[in-house]
Amino acid sequence: MKLYVMALGAGLLVGVIYSLLNVRSPAPPVVALIGLLGILAGEQIVPIAKRVIAGERLSLGWLRSECGEHVFGALPARPAAKDGERDTSGSARS
């Protein structure tokens, strides 16, 4: 979570600097985000193509491990529950 807050802070700082210098951002926000999504997705085409050309299967597990973290980043982990605490499903953790 700290990484996300730092990224947001850096973006806000750059936005303030752009505003003080009367500079417009390079692209409208939605266009920029769609472009970034395209870049991230496009980067995954080469590893997938290599695997297909090599005759290997594409499994959901492989896609998650090889492509998922790169596209979505390392997601924040849930802290481990202490003994006796219950998870959100209501069952006791072991």
C-alpha atoms as a PDB file:
ATOM      1  CA  MET A   1       0.000   0.000   0.000  1.00  0.00           C
ATOM      2  CA  LYS A   2       2.892   2.321   0.777  1.00  0.00           C
ATOM      3  CA  LEU A   3       4.102   2.025  -2.828  1.00  0.00           C
ATOM      4  CA  TYR A   4       0.706   3.116  -4.148  1.00  0.00           C
ATOM      5  CA  VAL A   5       0.588   6.120  -1.834  1.00  0.00           C
ATOM      6  CA  MET A   6       4.122   7.113  -2.875  1.00  0.00           C
ATOM      7  CA  ALA A   7       3.192   6.782  -6.572  1.00  0.00           C
ATOM      8  CA  LEU A   8       0.107   8.925  -6.031  1.00  0.00           C
ATOM      9  CA  GLY A   9       2.192  11.504  -4.167  1.00  0.00           C
ATOM     10  CA  ALA A  10       4.765  11.627  -6.959  1.00  0.00           C
ATOM     11  CA  GLY A  11       1.986  12.076  -9.507  1.00  0.00           C
ATOM     12  CA  LEU A  12       0.428  14.878  -7.487  1.00  0.00           C
ATOM     13  CA  LEU A  13       3.809  16.604  -7.186  1.00  0.00           C
ATOM     14  CA  VAL A  14       4.365  16.425 -10.944  1.00  0.00           C
ATOM     15  CA  GLY A  15       0.831  17.742 -11.498  1.00  0.00           C
ATOM     16  CA  VAL A  16       1.501  20.736  -9.233  1.00  0.00           C
ATOM     17  CA  ILE A  17       4.785  21.453 -11.048  1.00  0.00           C
ATOM     18  CA  TYR A  18       3.012  21.225 -14.432  1.00  0.00           C
ATOM     19  CA  SER A  19       0.353  23.629 -13.178  1.00  0.00           C
ATOM     20  CA  LEU A  20       2.913  26.132 -11.835  1.00  0.00           C
ATOM     21  CA  LEU A  21       4.746  26.092 -15.177  1.00  0.00           C
ATOM     22  CA  ASN A  22       1.462  26.307 -17.140  1.00  0.00           C
ATOM     23  CA  VAL A  23       2.300  23.056 -18.937  1.00  0.00           C
ATOM     24  CA  ARG A  24      -0.427  20.627 -19.952  1.00  0.00           C
ATOM     25  CA  SER A  25       0.063  16.918 -19.312  1.00  0.00           C
ATOM     26  CA  PRO A  26       1.258  15.012 -22.399  1.00  0.00           C
ATOM     27  CA  ALA A  27      -2.047  13.222 -22.955  1.00  0.00           C
ATOM     28  CA  PRO A  28      -5.557  13.313 -21.543  1.00  0.00           C
ATOM     29  CA  PRO A  29      -5.664  11.009 -18.490  1.00  0.00           C
ATOM     30  CA  VAL A  30      -7.963   8.370 -19.997  1.00  0.00           C
ATOM     31  CA  VAL A  31      -5.944   8.208 -23.216  1.00  0.00           C
ATOM     32  CA  ALA A  32      -2.713   7.927 -21.238  1.00  0.00           C
ATOM     33  CA  LEU A  33      -4.090   5.118 -19.060  1.00  0.00           C
ATOM     34  CA  ILE A  34      -5.383   3.182 -22.055  1.00  0.00           C
ATOM     35  CA  GLY A  35      -1.987   3.601 -23.716  1.00  0.00           C
ATOM     36  CA  LEU A  36      -0.239   2.252 -20.610  1.00  0.00           C
ATOM     37  CA  LEU A  37      -2.614  -0.700 -20.524  1.00  0.00           C
ATOM     38  CA  GLY A  38      -1.765  -1.408 -24.160  1.00  0.00           C
ATOM     39  CA  ILE A  39       1.953  -1.302 -23.387  1.00  0.00           C
ATOM     40  CA  LEU A  40       1.578  -3.717 -20.469  1.00  0.00           C
ATOM     41  CA  ALA A  41      -0.574  -6.113 -22.473  1.00  0.00           C
ATOM     42  CA  GLY A  42       1.722  -5.877 -25.490  1.00  0.00           C
ATOM     43  CA  GLU A  43       4.741  -6.803 -23.392  1.00  0.00           C
ATOM     44  CA  GLN A  44       3.055 -10.102 -22.578  1.00  0.00           C
ATOM     45  CA  ILE A  45       2.604 -11.115 -26.225  1.00  0.00           C
ATOM     46  CA  VAL A  46       6.271 -12.116 -26.682  1.00  0.00           C
ATOM     47  CA  PRO A  47       6.485 -14.574 -23.738  1.00  0.00           C
ATOM     48  CA  ILE A  48       3.115 -16.071 -24.668  1.00  0.00           C
ATOM     49  CA  ALA A  49       4.133 -16.413 -28.329  1.00  0.00           C
ATOM     50  CA  LYS A  50       7.460 -18.041 -27.350  1.00  0.00           C
ATOM     51  CA  ARG A  51       5.614 -20.583 -25.236  1.00  0.00           C
ATOM     52  CA  VAL A  52       3.096 -21.364 -27.988  1.00  0.00           C
ATOM     53  CA  ILE A  53       5.853 -21.696 -30.626  1.00  0.00           C
ATOM     54  CA  ALA A  54       7.755 -24.045 -28.309  1.00  0.00           C
ATOM     55  CA  GLY A  55       4.637 -26.238 -28.211  1.00  0.00           C
ATOM     56  CA  GLU A  56       4.009 -25.715 -24.495  1.00  0.00           C
ATOM     57  CA  ARG A  57       0.515 -25.329 -23.063  1.00  0.00           C
ATOM     58  CA  LEU A  58      -0.738 -22.034 -21.727  1.00  0.00           C
ATOM     59  CA  SER A  59      -2.170 -22.647 -18.291  1.00  0.00           C
ATOM     60  CA  LEU A  60      -3.931 -20.173 -16.061  1.00  0.00           C
ATOM     61  CA  GLY A  61      -1.274 -20.735 -13.398  1.00  0.00           C
ATOM     62  CA  TRP A  62       1.521 -19.884 -15.837  1.00  0.00           C
ATOM     63  CA  LEU A  63      -0.304 -16.764 -17.032  1.00  0.00           C
ATOM     64  CA  ARG A  64      -0.818 -15.624 -13.450  1.00  0.00           C
ATOM     65  CA  SER A  65       2.783 -16.220 -12.414  1.00  0.00           C
ATOM     66  CA  GLU A  66       4.489 -14.941 -15.559  1.00  0.00           C
ATOM     67  CA  CYS A  67       2.157 -12.200 -16.733  1.00  0.00           C
ATOM     68  CA  GLY A  68      -0.140 -11.309 -13.857  1.00  0.00           C
ATOM     69  CA  GLU A  69       2.351  -9.718 -11.514  1.00  0.00           C
ATOM     70  CA  HIS A  70       3.941  -7.708 -14.313  1.00  0.00           C
ATOM     71  CA  VAL A  71       0.609  -6.312 -15.475  1.00  0.00           C
ATOM     72  CA  PHE A  72      -1.003  -5.759 -12.073  1.00  0.00           C
ATOM     73  CA  GLY A  73       2.091  -5.312  -9.915  1.00  0.00           C
ATOM     74  CA  ALA A  74       2.759  -7.056  -6.648  1.00  0.00           C
ATOM     75  CA  LEU A  75      -0.530  -6.763  -4.828  1.00  0.00           C
ATOM     76  CA  PRO A  76      -0.447  -5.993  -1.119  1.00  0.00           C
ATOM     77  CA  ALA A  77      -0.551  -9.159   0.966  1.00  0.00           C
ATOM     78  CA  ARG A  78      -3.041  -9.748   3.750  1.00  0.00           C
ATOM     79  CA  PRO A  79      -1.415 -10.013   7.149  1.00  0.00           C
ATOM     80  CA  ALA A  80      -1.488 -13.526   8.580  1.00  0.00           C
ATOM     81  CA  ALA A  81      -4.216 -14.115  11.145  1.00  0.00           C
ATOM     82  CA  LYS A  82      -3.260 -14.942  14.711  1.00  0.00           C
ATOM     83  CA  ASP A  83      -4.307 -18.275  16.200  1.00  0.00           C
ATOM     84  CA  GLY A  84      -8.010 -18.373  16.944  1.00  0.00           C
ATOM     85  CA  GLU A  85      -8.914 -15.444  14.658  1.00  0.00           C
ATOM     86  CA  ARG A  86     -11.464 -16.037  11.953  1.00  0.00           C
ATOM     87  CA  ASP A  87     -11.176 -15.084   8.303  1.00  0.00           C
ATOM     88  CA  THR A  88     -13.970 -13.306   6.411  1.00  0.00           C
ATOM     89  CA  SER A  89     -15.691 -16.611   5.544  1.00  0.00           C
ATOM     90  CA  GLY A  90     -16.260 -17.299   9.240  1.00  0.00           C
ATOM     91  CA  SER A  91     -14.148 -20.459   9.437  1.00  0.00           C
ATOM     92  CA  ALA A  92     -11.272 -20.719  11.880  1.00  0.00           C
ATOM     93  CA  ARG A  93      -7.817 -20.625  10.370  1.00  0.00           C
ATOM     94  CA  SER A  94      -5.391 -23.378  11.136  1.00  0.00           C
END
